[in-house]
Each structure stands twice: as C-alpha cells, then as structure tokens.
PDB file of N, CA and C in Angstrom:
ATOM      1  N   ASN A   1      67.314  94.683  91.760  1.00  0.00           N
ATOM      2  CA  ASN A   1      67.110  95.933  91.934  1.00  0.00           C
ATOM      3  C   ASN A   1      68.565  96.427  92.179  1.00  0.00           C
ATOM      4  N   VAL A   2      68.478  97.493  91.728  1.00  0.00           N
ATOM      5  CA  VAL A   2      69.891  98.353  91.733  1.00  0.00           C
ATOM      6  C   VAL A   2      70.543  98.626  92.847  1.00  0.00           C
ATOM      7  N   ARG A   3      70.027  98.377  94.116  1.00  0.00           N
ATOM      8  CA  ARG A   3      70.593  98.252  95.452  1.00  0.00           C
ATOM      9  C   ARG A   3      71.406  96.761  95.424  1.00  0.00           C
ATOM     10  N   SER A   4      70.405  95.766  94.961  1.00  0.00           N
ATOM     11  CA  SER A   4      71.442  94.472  95.208  1.00  0.00           C
ATOM     12  C   SER A   4      72.622  94.125  94.278  1.00  0.00           C
ATOM     13  N   ARG A   5      72.038  94.795  93.235  1.00  0.00           N
ATOM     14  CA  ARG A   5      73.503  94.539  91.988  1.00  0.00           C
ATOM     15  C   ARG A   5      74.797  95.504  92.016  1.00  0.00           C
ATOM     16  N   ILE A   6      74.296  96.614  92.845  1.00  0.00           N
ATOM     17  CA  ILE A   6      75.673  97.454  93.242  1.00  0.00           C
ATOM     18  C   ILE A   6      76.098  96.425  94.304  1.00  0.00           C
ATOM     19  N   GLN A   7      74.981  96.125  95.441  1.00  0.00           N
ATOM     20  CA  GLN A   7      76.010  95.270  96.346  1.00  0.00           C
ATOM     21  C   GLN A   7      76.731  94.055  96.368  1.00  0.00           C
ATOM     22  N   ALA A   8      76.252  93.605  94.706  1.00  0.00           N
ATOM     23  CA  ALA A   8      77.048  92.308  94.415  1.00  0.00           C
ATOM     24  C   ALA A   8      78.052  92.763  93.622  1.00  0.00           C
ATOM     25  N   ALA A   9      78.305  94.045  93.203  1.00  0.00           N
ATOM     26  CA  ALA A   9      79.730  94.445  92.327  1.00  0.00           C
ATOM     27  C   ALA A   9      80.586  94.500  93.437  1.00  0.00           C
ATOM     28  N   ILE A  10      80.212  95.424  94.812  1.00  0.00           N
ATOM     29  CA  ILE A  10      81.057  95.424  96.010  1.00  0.00           C
ATOM     30  C   ILE A  10      82.016  94.396  96.254  1.00  0.00           C
ATOM     31  N   ALA A  11      80.672  93.685  96.551  1.00  0.00           N
ATOM     32  CA  ALA A  11      81.497  91.696  97.086  1.00  0.00           C
ATOM     33  C   ALA A  11      82.826  91.801  96.063  1.00  0.00           C
ATOM     34  N   GLU A  12      82.044  91.373  94.651  1.00  0.00           N
ATOM     35  CA  GLU A  12      83.127  91.034  93.336  1.00  0.00           C
ATOM     36  C   GLU A  12      83.924  91.745  93.551  1.00  0.00           C
ATOM     37  N   THR A  13      84.407  93.212  93.704  1.00  0.00           N
ATOM     38  CA  THR A  13      85.560  94.581  93.224  1.00  0.00           C
ATOM     39  C   THR A  13      86.378  93.896  94.244  1.00  0.00           C
ATOM     40  N   PHE A  14      85.778  93.793  95.796  1.00  0.00           N
ATOM     41  CA  PHE A  14      87.130  93.314  97.240  1.00  0.00           C
ATOM     42  C   PHE A  14      87.067  92.285  97.690  1.00  0.00           C
ATOM     43  N   GLY A  15      86.505  91.162  96.843  1.00  0.00           N
ATOM     44  CA  GLY A  15      86.658  89.954  96.919  1.00  0.00           C
ATOM     45  C   GLY A  15      85.555  89.795  98.180  1.00  0.00           C
ATOM     46  N   LEU A  16      84.535  89.972  98.626  1.00  0.00           N
ATOM     47  CA  LEU A  16      83.734  89.801  99.643  1.00  0.00           C
ATOM     48  C   LEU A  16      82.346  88.597  99.752  1.00  0.00           C
ATOM     49  N   ASP A  17      81.732  88.194 100.434  1.00  0.00           N
ATOM     50  CA  ASP A  17      80.803  87.654 100.382  1.00  0.00           C
ATOM     51  C   ASP A  17      79.728  88.491 100.450  1.00  0.00           C
ATOM     52  N   SER A  18      78.747  88.584  99.344  1.00  0.00           N
ATOM     53  CA  SER A  18      77.550  89.752  99.435  1.00  0.00           C
ATOM     54  C   SER A  18      76.540  89.141 100.172  1.00  0.00           C
ATOM     55  N   GLN A  19      76.063  87.869 100.822  1.00  0.00           N
ATOM     56  CA  GLN A  19      75.725  87.461 101.461  1.00  0.00           C
ATOM     57  C   GLN A  19      75.863  87.770 102.879  1.00  0.00           C
ATOM     58  N   GLN A  20      76.909  88.561 103.130  1.00  0.00           N
ATOM     59  CA  GLN A  20      77.550  88.559 104.443  1.00  0.00           C
ATOM     60  C   GLN A  20      77.153  90.356 104.277  1.00  0.00           C
ATOM     61  N   MET A  21      77.209  91.359 104.007  1.00  0.00           N
ATOM     62  CA  MET A  21      77.173  92.620 103.366  1.00  0.00           C
ATOM     63  C   MET A  21      75.626  92.996 103.732  1.00  0.00           C
ATOM     64  N   TYR A  22      75.740  93.948 104.903  1.00  0.00           N
ATOM     65  CA  TYR A  22      74.470  94.316 105.463  1.00  0.00           C
ATOM     66  C   TYR A  22      74.435  96.008 105.464  1.00  0.00           C
ATOM     67  N   LEU A  23      73.561  96.708 104.673  1.00  0.00           N
ATOM     68  CA  LEU A  23      72.981  98.358 104.499  1.00  0.00           C
ATOM     69  C   LEU A  23      73.131  98.583 106.334  1.00  0.00           C
ATOM     70  N   THR A  24      73.929  99.907 106.625  1.00  0.00           N
ATOM     71  CA  THR A  24      74.021 100.230 108.078  1.00  0.00           C
ATOM     72  C   THR A  24      72.868 101.744 107.491  1.00  0.00           C
ATOM     73  N   LYS A  25      72.806 102.249 108.692  1.00  0.00           N
ATOM     74  CA  LYS A  25      72.354 103.592 108.523  1.00  0.00           C
ATOM     75  C   LYS A  25      73.313 104.979 109.083  1.00  0.00           C
ATOM     76  N   PRO A  26      73.326 105.773 108.631  1.00  0.00           N
ATOM     77  CA  PRO A  26      72.514 106.238 107.118  1.00  0.00           C
ATOM     78  C   PRO A  26      73.026 105.573 105.731  1.00  0.00           C
ATOM     79  N   THR A  27      71.731 104.846 105.251  1.00  0.00           N
ATOM     80  CA  THR A  27      71.531 104.453 103.774  1.00  0.00           C
ATOM     81  C   THR A  27      70.990 105.183 102.788  1.00  0.00           C
ATOM     82  N   PHE A  28      71.688 105.607 101.993  1.00  0.00           N
ATOM     83  CA  PHE A  28      71.187 106.540 100.958  1.00  0.00           C
ATOM     84  C   PHE A  28      71.377 106.583  99.472  1.00  0.00           C
ATOM     85  N   PHE A  29      70.592 106.781  99.063  1.00  0.00           N
ATOM     86  CA  PHE A  29      70.854 107.400  97.389  1.00  0.00           C
ATOM     87  C   PHE A  29      71.025 108.531  97.414  1.00  0.00           C
ATOM     88  N   SER A  30      71.546 109.236  96.637  1.00  0.00           N
ATOM     89  CA  SER A  30      71.610 110.740  96.415  1.00  0.00           C
ATOM     90  C   SER A  30      71.698 110.728  94.717  1.00  0.00           C
ATOM     91  N   ARG A  31      70.673 111.866  94.432  1.00  0.00           N
ATOM     92  CA  ARG A  31      70.958 112.248  93.220  1.00  0.00           C
ATOM     93  C   ARG A  31      71.592 113.955  92.793  1.00  0.00           C
ATOM     94  N   ILE A  32      72.760 113.637  91.875  1.00  0.00           N
ATOM     95  CA  ILE A  32      73.772 115.035  92.477  1.00  0.00           C
ATOM     96  C   ILE A  32      73.585 116.097  91.385  1.00  0.00           C
ATOM     97  N   ASN A  33      72.858 117.141  91.318  1.00  0.00           N
ATOM     98  CA  ASN A  33      72.631 117.969  89.899  1.00  0.00           C
ATOM     99  C   ASN A  33      73.093 119.486  90.241  1.00  0.00           C
ATOM    100  N   SER A  34      73.003 119.987  89.538  1.00  0.00           N
ATOM    101  CA  SER A  34      73.122 121.502  89.786  1.00  0.00           C
ATOM    102  C   SER A  34      72.233 122.125  90.925  1.00  0.00           C
ATOM    103  N   THR A  35      70.722 121.689  91.634  1.00  0.00           N
ATOM    104  CA  THR A  35      70.204 122.499  92.392  1.00  0.00           C
ATOM    105  C   THR A  35      70.828 122.548  93.614  1.00  0.00           C
ATOM    106  N   SER A  36      70.465 124.020  94.056  1.00  0.00           N
ATOM    107  CA  SER A  36      70.702 124.612  95.634  1.00  0.00           C
ATOM    108  C   SER A  36      71.128 123.696  96.770  1.00  0.00           C
ATOM    109  N   ALA A  37      72.500 123.371  97.481  1.00  0.00           N
ATOM    110  CA  ALA A  37      71.863 122.577  98.744  1.00  0.00           C
ATOM    111  C   ALA A  37      70.999 123.001  99.441  1.00  0.00           C
ATOM    112  N   LYS A  38      69.928 122.375 100.312  1.00  0.00           N
ATOM    113  CA  LYS A  38      69.645 122.735 101.273  1.00  0.00           C
ATOM    114  C   LYS A  38      70.087 122.388 102.908  1.00  0.00           C
ATOM    115  N   THR A  39      70.315 121.471 102.913  1.00  0.00           N
ATOM    116  CA  THR A  39      71.448 121.088 104.146  1.00  0.00           C
ATOM    117  C   THR A  39      73.615 120.801 103.930  1.00  0.00           C
ATOM    118  N   THR A  40      73.600 120.666 105.252  1.00  0.00           N
ATOM    119  CA  THR A  40      75.044 120.643 105.019  1.00  0.00           C
ATOM    120  C   THR A  40      75.687 119.283 104.084  1.00  0.00           C
ATOM    121  N   HIS A  41      74.943 118.082 104.278  1.00  0.00           N
ATOM    122  CA  HIS A  41      75.105 117.315 103.439  1.00  0.00           C
ATOM    123  C   HIS A  41      74.839 117.037 102.218  1.00  0.00           C
ATOM    124  N   ASP A  42      74.169 118.561 101.962  1.00  0.00           N
ATOM    125  CA  ASP A  42      73.955 118.289 100.211  1.00  0.00           C
ATOM    126  C   ASP A  42      74.986 119.179  99.577  1.00  0.00           C
ATOM    127  N   GLU A  43      76.050 119.826 100.497  1.00  0.00           N
ATOM    128  CA  GLU A  43      77.503 120.207  99.964  1.00  0.00           C
ATOM    129  C   GLU A  43      78.240 119.416  99.744  1.00  0.00           C
ATOM    130  N   TYR A  44      78.498 118.712  98.910  1.00  0.00           N
ATOM    131  CA  TYR A  44      79.366 117.557  98.187  1.00  0.00           C
ATOM    132  C   TYR A  44      80.204 118.119  97.657  1.00  0.00           C
ATOM    133  N   TRP A  45      80.375 119.113  97.502  1.00  0.00           N
ATOM    134  CA  TRP A  45      81.862 119.742  97.065  1.00  0.00           C
ATOM    135  C   TRP A  45      82.814 120.222  98.228  1.00  0.00           C
ATOM    136  N   HIS A  46      82.403 120.217  99.218  1.00  0.00           N
ATOM    137  CA  HIS A  46      83.184 120.046 100.332  1.00  0.00           C
ATOM    138  C   HIS A  46      84.576 118.804 100.328  1.00  0.00           C
ATOM    139  N   PRO A  47      85.954 118.867 100.455  1.00  0.00           N
ATOM    140  CA  PRO A  47      86.687 117.923 100.418  1.00  0.00           C
ATOM    141  C   PRO A  47      86.491 117.113 101.871  1.00  0.00           C
ATOM    142  N   HIS A  48      85.988 115.300 101.948  1.00  0.00           N
ATOM    143  CA  HIS A  48      85.973 114.829 103.015  1.00  0.00           C
ATOM    144  C   HIS A  48      86.178 113.580 102.975  1.00  0.00           C
ATOM    145  N   ILE A  49      85.846 113.100 103.748  1.00  0.00           N
ATOM    146  CA  ILE A  49      86.283 111.193 103.624  1.00  0.00           C
ATOM    147  C   ILE A  49      84.981 110.630 104.525  1.00  0.00           C
ATOM    148  N   ASP A  50      84.601 109.989 103.650  1.00  0.00           N
ATOM    149  CA  ASP A  50      83.307 109.164 104.213  1.00  0.00           C
ATOM    150  C   ASP A  50      83.099 108.821 105.186  1.00  0.00           C
ATOM    151  N   LYS A  51      84.151 107.606 105.186  1.00  0.00           N
ATOM    152  CA  LYS A  51      84.030 106.941 106.989  1.00  0.00           C
ATOM    153  C   LYS A  51      84.494 107.968 107.915  1.00  0.00           C
ATOM    154  N   GLU A  52      84.798 109.078 108.495  1.00  0.00           N
ATOM    155  CA  GLU A  52      84.891 109.938 108.969  1.00  0.00           C
ATOM    156  C   GLU A  52      83.256 110.618 108.952  1.00  0.00           C
ATOM    157  N   THR A  53      83.189 111.066 108.030  1.00  0.00           N
ATOM    158  CA  THR A  53      81.734 111.622 108.072  1.00  0.00           C
ATOM    159  C   THR A  53      80.823 110.867 108.468  1.00  0.00           C
ATOM    160  N   TYR A  54      80.572 109.609 107.923  1.00  0.00           N
ATOM    161  CA  TYR A  54      79.667 108.634 108.623  1.00  0.00           C
ATOM    162  C   TYR A  54      80.354 107.234 109.187  1.00  0.00           C
ATOM    163  N   GLY A  55      80.666 107.051 110.082  1.00  0.00           N
ATOM    164  CA  GLY A  55      81.231 105.855 110.830  1.00  0.00           C
ATOM    165  C   GLY A  55      80.743 104.498 110.264  1.00  0.00           C
ATOM    166  N   SER A  56      80.071 104.203 109.761  1.00  0.00           N
ATOM    167  CA  SER A  56      79.515 103.266 109.482  1.00  0.00           C
ATOM    168  C   SER A  56      79.716 103.033 107.909  1.00  0.00           C
ATOM    169  N   PHE A  57      81.011 103.723 106.947  1.00  0.00           N
ATOM    170  CA  PHE A  57      80.622 103.718 105.487  1.00  0.00           C
ATOM    171  C   PHE A  57      81.502 102.893 105.407  1.00  0.00           C
ATOM    172  N   ASP A  58      81.946 101.741 105.375  1.00  0.00           N
ATOM    173  CA  ASP A  58      83.187 100.635 104.800  1.00  0.00           C
ATOM    174  C   ASP A  58      83.005 101.237 103.266  1.00  0.00           C
ATOM    175  N   TYR A  59      82.062 101.500 102.978  1.00  0.00           N
ATOM    176  CA  TYR A  59      81.917 100.802 101.309  1.00  0.00           C
ATOM    177  C   TYR A  59      81.437 102.126 100.540  1.00  0.00           C
ATOM    178  N   THR A  60      81.715 102.761  99.623  1.00  0.00           N
ATOM    179  CA  THR A  60      81.381 103.951  98.995  1.00  0.00           C
ATOM    180  C   THR A  60      81.152 103.240  97.410  1.00  0.00           C
ATOM    181  N   SER A  61      79.809 103.567  96.918  1.00  0.00           N
ATOM    182  CA  SER A  61      79.414 103.057  95.273  1.00  0.00           C
ATOM    183  C   SER A  61      79.102 104.325  94.427  1.00  0.00           C
ATOM    184  N   LEU A  62      79.450 105.093  93.588  1.00  0.00           N
ATOM    185  CA  LEU A  62      79.116 105.793  92.510  1.00  0.00           C
ATOM    186  C   LEU A  62      78.453 105.277  91.224  1.00  0.00           C
ATOM    187  N   LEU A  63      77.574 105.740  90.879  1.00  0.00           N
ATOM    188  CA  LEU A  63      76.422 105.097  89.746  1.00  0.00           C
ATOM    189  C   LEU A  63      76.510 105.901  88.732  1.00  0.00           C
ATOM    190  N   TYR A  64      77.387 106.383  87.263  1.00  0.00           N
ATOM    191  CA  TYR A  64      76.724 107.495  86.971  1.00  0.00           C
ATOM    192  C   TYR A  64      75.770 106.913  85.791  1.00  0.00           C
ATOM    193  N   LEU A  65      74.559 108.306  85.636  1.00  0.00           N
ATOM    194  CA  LEU A  65      73.495 107.858  84.754  1.00  0.00           C
ATOM    195  C   LEU A  65      73.594 108.522  83.443  1.00  0.00           C
ATOM    196  N   SER A  66      74.584 109.818  83.524  1.00  0.00           N
ATOM    197  CA  SER A  66      74.661 110.091  82.452  1.00  0.00           C
ATOM    198  C   SER A  66      76.298 110.467  82.254  1.00  0.00           C
ATOM    199  N   ASP A  67      76.514 111.580  80.794  1.00  0.00           N
ATOM    200  CA  ASP A  67      77.878 111.690  80.302  1.00  0.00           C
ATOM    201  C   ASP A  67      78.013 112.961  81.105  1.00  0.00           C
ATOM    202  N   TYR A  68      79.468 113.549  81.568  1.00  0.00           N
ATOM    203  CA  TYR A  68      80.208 114.259  81.397  1.00  0.00           C
ATOM    204  C   TYR A  68      80.083 115.450  80.135  1.00  0.00           C
ATOM    205  N   GLY A  69      79.951 116.884  80.346  1.00  0.00           N
ATOM    206  CA  GLY A  69      80.166 117.459  78.938  1.00  0.00           C
ATOM    207  C   GLY A  69      79.093 117.016  78.103  1.00  0.00           C
ATOM    208  N   VAL A  70      77.926 115.921  78.206  1.00  0.00           N
ATOM    209  CA  VAL A  70      77.215 115.498  76.857  1.00  0.00           C
ATOM    210  C   VAL A  70      75.895 116.442  77.984  1.00  0.00           C
ATOM    211  N   ASP A  71      75.584 115.577  78.761  1.00  0.00           N
ATOM    212  CA  ASP A  71      74.414 115.960  79.652  1.00  0.00           C
ATOM    213  C   ASP A  71      74.338 117.025  80.615  1.00  0.00           C
ATOM    214  N   PHE A  72      75.538 117.435  81.198  1.00  0.00           N
ATOM    215  CA  PHE A  72      76.071 118.167  81.966  1.00  0.00           C
ATOM    216  C   PHE A  72      77.463 118.767  81.773  1.00  0.00           C
ATOM    217  N   GLY A  73      77.686 119.667  82.997  1.00  0.00           N
ATOM    218  CA  GLY A  73      79.320 119.997  83.075  1.00  0.00           C
ATOM    219  C   GLY A  73      79.474 119.903  84.650  1.00  0.00           C
ATOM    220  N   GLY A  74      80.581 119.564  84.897  1.00  0.00           N
ATOM    221  CA  GLY A  74      81.168 119.476  86.983  1.00  0.00           C
ATOM    222  C   GLY A  74      80.747 117.804  86.620  1.00  0.00           C
ATOM    223  N   GLY A  75      80.577 117.823  88.265  1.00  0.00           N
ATOM    224  CA  GLY A  75      80.116 116.663  88.549  1.00  0.00           C
ATOM    225  C   GLY A  75      81.492 115.201  88.551  1.00  0.00           C
ATOM    226  N   ARG A  76      82.794 115.814  88.126  1.00  0.00           N
ATOM    227  CA  ARG A  76      83.463 114.774  88.404  1.00  0.00           C
ATOM    228  C   ARG A  76      84.021 114.698  90.201  1.00  0.00           C
ATOM    229  N   PHE A  77      84.442 112.967  89.914  1.00  0.00           N
ATOM    230  CA  PHE A  77      85.106 112.787  91.016  1.00  0.00           C
ATOM    231  C   PHE A  77      86.640 113.133  91.698  1.00  0.00           C
ATOM    232  N   VAL A  78      86.855 113.714  92.740  1.00  0.00           N
ATOM    233  CA  VAL A  78      88.186 113.698  92.730  1.00  0.00           C
ATOM    234  C   VAL A  78      88.618 113.196  94.157  1.00  0.00           C
ATOM    235  N   PHE A  79      89.802 112.142  93.781  1.00  0.00           N
ATOM    236  CA  PHE A  79      90.500 111.584  95.340  1.00  0.00           C
ATOM    237  C   PHE A  79      91.389 112.314  95.227  1.00  0.00           C
ATOM    238  N   MET A  80      91.689 112.910  96.959  1.00  0.00           N
ATOM    239  CA  MET A  80      93.237 113.844  96.852  1.00  0.00           C
ATOM    240  C   MET A  80      93.791 113.117  97.702  1.00  0.00           C
ATOM    241  N   ASP A  81      95.174 113.289  97.342  1.00  0.00           N
ATOM    242  CA  ASP A  81      95.907 111.943  98.257  1.00  0.00           C
ATOM    243  C   ASP A  81      97.336 113.445  98.354  1.00  0.00           C
ATOM    244  N   ALA A  82      98.405 112.955  99.000  1.00  0.00           N
ATOM    245  CA  ALA A  82      99.044 113.905  99.133  1.00  0.00           C
ATOM    246  C   ALA A  82     100.065 113.812  97.980  1.00  0.00           C
ATOM    247  N   GLY A  83     100.311 114.880  96.901  1.00  0.00           N
ATOM    248  CA  GLY A  83     101.139 115.517  95.967  1.00  0.00           C
ATOM    249  C   GLY A  83     100.436 114.655  94.727  1.00  0.00           C
ATOM    250  N   GLN A  84      99.024 113.939  94.484  1.00  0.00           N
ATOM    251  CA  GLN A  84      98.718 113.654  93.532  1.00  0.00           C
ATOM    252  C   GLN A  84      97.308 114.094  93.781  1.00  0.00           C
ATOM    253  N   ASN A  85      96.018 113.739  92.547  1.00  0.00           N
ATOM    254  CA  ASN A  85      94.447 113.651  92.477  1.00  0.00           C
ATOM    255  C   ASN A  85      94.381 112.811  91.442  1.00  0.00           C
ATOM    256  N   TRP A  86      93.148 112.225  91.646  1.00  0.00           N
ATOM    257  CA  TRP A  86      92.863 111.303  90.565  1.00  0.00           C
ATOM    258  C   TRP A  86      91.664 111.520  90.475  1.00  0.00           C
ATOM    259  N   THR A  87      91.005 112.027  88.703  1.00  0.00           N
ATOM    260  CA  THR A  87      89.625 112.463  89.033  1.00  0.00           C
ATOM    261  C   THR A  87      88.845 110.872  88.084  1.00  0.00           C
ATOM    262  N   VAL A  88      87.814 111.225  88.446  1.00  0.00           N
ATOM    263  CA  VAL A  88      87.048 110.171  87.739  1.00  0.00           C
ATOM    264  C   VAL A  88      85.776 111.109  86.846  1.00  0.00           C
ATOM    265  N   GLU A  89      85.756 110.793  85.617  1.00  0.00           N
ATOM    266  CA  GLU A  89      84.855 111.770  85.031  1.00  0.00           C
ATOM    267  C   GLU A  89      83.515 110.870  84.842  1.00  0.00           C
ATOM    268  N   PRO A  90      82.457 111.277  84.996  1.00  0.00           N
ATOM    269  CA  PRO A  90      81.279 110.592  84.584  1.00  0.00           C
ATOM    270  C   PRO A  90      80.636 110.351  83.319  1.00  0.00           C
ATOM    271  N   ARG A  91      80.223 108.685  83.013  1.00  0.00           N
ATOM    272  CA  ARG A  91      80.151 108.378  81.989  1.00  0.00           C
ATOM    273  C   ARG A  91      78.840 107.459  82.259  1.00  0.00           C
ATOM    274  N   ALA A  92      77.599 107.755  81.617  1.00  0.00           N
ATOM    275  CA  ALA A  92      76.498 106.338  81.682  1.00  0.00           C
ATOM    276  C   ALA A  92      76.807 105.167  82.255  1.00  0.00           C
ATOM    277  N   GLY A  93      76.499 104.617  83.334  1.00  0.00           N
ATOM    278  CA  GLY A  93      76.916 102.993  83.193  1.00  0.00           C
ATOM    279  C   GLY A  93      77.659 102.930  83.965  1.00  0.00           C
ATOM    280  N   LYS A  94      78.716 104.258  83.881  1.00  0.00           N
ATOM    281  CA  LYS A  94      79.873 103.856  84.994  1.00  0.00           C
ATOM    282  C   LYS A  94      80.195 103.824  86.437  1.00  0.00           C
ATOM    283  N   HIS A  95      80.715 101.950  87.007  1.00  0.00           N
ATOM    284  CA  HIS A  95      80.273 102.173  88.116  1.00  0.00           C
ATOM    285  C   HIS A  95      81.434 102.308  88.946  1.00  0.00           C
ATOM    286  N   LYS A  96      81.832 102.987  90.454  1.00  0.00           N
ATOM    287  CA  LYS A  96      82.887 103.055  90.724  1.00  0.00           C
ATOM    288  C   LYS A  96      82.470 102.737  92.411  1.00  0.00           C
ATOM    289  N   PRO A  97      83.439 101.461  92.795  1.00  0.00           N
ATOM    290  CA  PRO A  97      83.427 101.081  94.073  1.00  0.00           C
ATOM    291  C   PRO A  97      84.345 101.739  94.807  1.00  0.00           C
ATOM    292  N   HIS A  98      84.238 102.207  95.748  1.00  0.00           N
ATOM    293  CA  HIS A  98      85.268 102.330  96.673  1.00  0.00           C
ATOM    294  C   HIS A  98      85.386 102.017  98.031  1.00  0.00           C
ATOM    295  N   THR A  99      86.781 101.434  98.578  1.00  0.00           N
ATOM    296  CA  THR A  99      86.845 101.014 100.135  1.00  0.00           C
ATOM    297  C   THR A  99      87.049 102.792 100.809  1.00  0.00           C
ATOM    298  N   ASN A 100      86.251 102.343 102.142  1.00  0.00           N
ATOM    299  CA  ASN A 100      86.681 103.769 102.949  1.00  0.00           C
ATOM    300  C   ASN A 100      87.341 103.491 103.819  1.00  0.00           C
ATOM    301  N   MET A 101      87.404 102.689 104.123  1.00  0.00           N
ATOM    302  CA  MET A 101      88.822 102.399 104.967  1.00  0.00           C
ATOM    303  C   MET A 101      90.033 102.705 104.903  1.00  0.00           C
ATOM    304  N   PHE A 102      90.618 102.985 103.653  1.00  0.00           N
ATOM    305  CA  PHE A 102      91.780 103.288 102.848  1.00  0.00           C
ATOM    306  C   PHE A 102      91.766 104.400 102.174  1.00  0.00           C
ATOM    307  N   THR A 103      90.747 105.299 101.522  1.00  0.00           N
ATOM    308  CA  THR A 103      90.669 105.996 100.678  1.00  0.00           C
ATOM    309  C   THR A 103      91.016 107.358 101.008  1.00  0.00           C
ATOM    310  N   PRO A 104      91.635 107.945 100.201  1.00  0.00           N
ATOM    311  CA  PRO A 104      92.188 109.640 100.298  1.00  0.00           C
ATOM    312  C   PRO A 104      90.710 110.621 100.611  1.00  0.00           C
ATOM    313  N   MET A 105      90.927 111.471 101.161  1.00  0.00           N
ATOM    314  CA  MET A 105      90.220 112.676 101.138  1.00  0.00           C
ATOM    315  C   MET A 105      89.182 112.861  99.992  1.00  0.00           C
ATOM    316  N   ASN A 106      87.826 112.709  99.254  1.00  0.00           N
ATOM    317  CA  ASN A 106      87.829 113.127  98.373  1.00  0.00           C
ATOM    318  C   ASN A 106      86.684 113.991  98.306  1.00  0.00           C
ATOM    319  N   HIS A 107      85.679 114.773  96.742  1.00  0.00           N
ATOM    320  CA  HIS A 107      85.112 116.178  96.672  1.00  0.00           C
ATOM    321  C   HIS A 107      84.727 115.590  95.467  1.00  0.00           C
ATOM    322  N   TRP A 108      83.450 116.238  95.408  1.00  0.00           N
ATOM    323  CA  TRP A 108      82.723 116.202  93.615  1.00  0.00           C
ATOM    324  C   TRP A 108      83.340 117.900  93.114  1.00  0.00           C
ATOM    325  N   VAL A 109      83.354 117.441  91.863  1.00  0.00           N
ATOM    326  CA  VAL A 109      83.220 119.278  91.151  1.00  0.00           C
ATOM    327  C   VAL A 109      82.530 119.602  91.344  1.00  0.00           C
ATOM    328  N   CYS A 110      81.212 120.589  91.331  1.00  0.00           N
ATOM    329  CA  CYS A 110      79.980 121.490  91.489  1.00  0.00           C
ATOM    330  C   CYS A 110      79.601 121.103  90.276  1.00  0.00           C
ATOM    331  N   MET A 111      78.279 120.746  90.246  1.00  0.00           N
ATOM    332  CA  MET A 111      77.601 120.292  88.605  1.00  0.00           C
ATOM    333  C   MET A 111      77.139 121.634  88.519  1.00  0.00           C
ATOM    334  N   GLU A 112      77.547 121.555  86.893  1.00  0.00           N
ATOM    335  CA  GLU A 112      76.812 123.053  85.822  1.00  0.00           C
ATOM    336  C   GLU A 112      75.501 122.324  85.317  1.00  0.00           C
ATOM    337  N   ALA A 113      74.649 122.799  85.026  1.00  0.00           N
ATOM    338  CA  ALA A 113      73.655 122.481  83.689  1.00  0.00           C
ATOM    339  C   ALA A 113      73.812 122.872  83.041  1.00  0.00           C
TER     340      ALA A 113
END
C-alpha cells in the first residue's frame, strides 16, 4: 500500500529501520487543491514548521500525483531559511521526504485550478 511504501522510502532516505517507525496521531493524508479552506489546518500556505504545529511529526513526506504547470498552477513547496529559499516544483511521482527535526520553516504556494 502507499503508506507502507512511503514509510520504507523515508526509512531508506534517513537510514532508519522501517520496522521501528510507527505512525503517530495525528496521521493524515492531505489532498491539496484549489478549494477554499474549511479550517485553519487547511490553510497550508502559511509559513510553519511541522514539528511545532504537530509535536509528534518527526518526518513529513510529500508525494505528488500531478504536474505543476500542466495539471494546475501554484502548489510549489517552499523551504524558507535565513537568506535563502528552496522550492520543490510538483511532478507526478515525485517523492520528497524531509525530517522535521532540523527543517526550516516551510509553506505551500496557493493552488490555482
């Protein structure tokens, strides 16, 4: 299944034993699109640090299912650090795991249909 494949990819990326990784609460899969936010947690475009927002989040994993500029606009993921930003541009099948223990602030660029 998708969850176990992503868990294995995170373990491989960070040199962990996937059998020693456990999902914590909250655990969720999000579909980010251009619909209006219903709660504060749906407002993905605000700068944030996952570990501060959800204390149990040691790792975050992004899996893109469509292509930026082809299927939609916006949706780029931006890591913000003092003096420099890094942008991840969505591409179908691209998997971007990152640790939340040393990750700089990040946010999504608003989606456009």
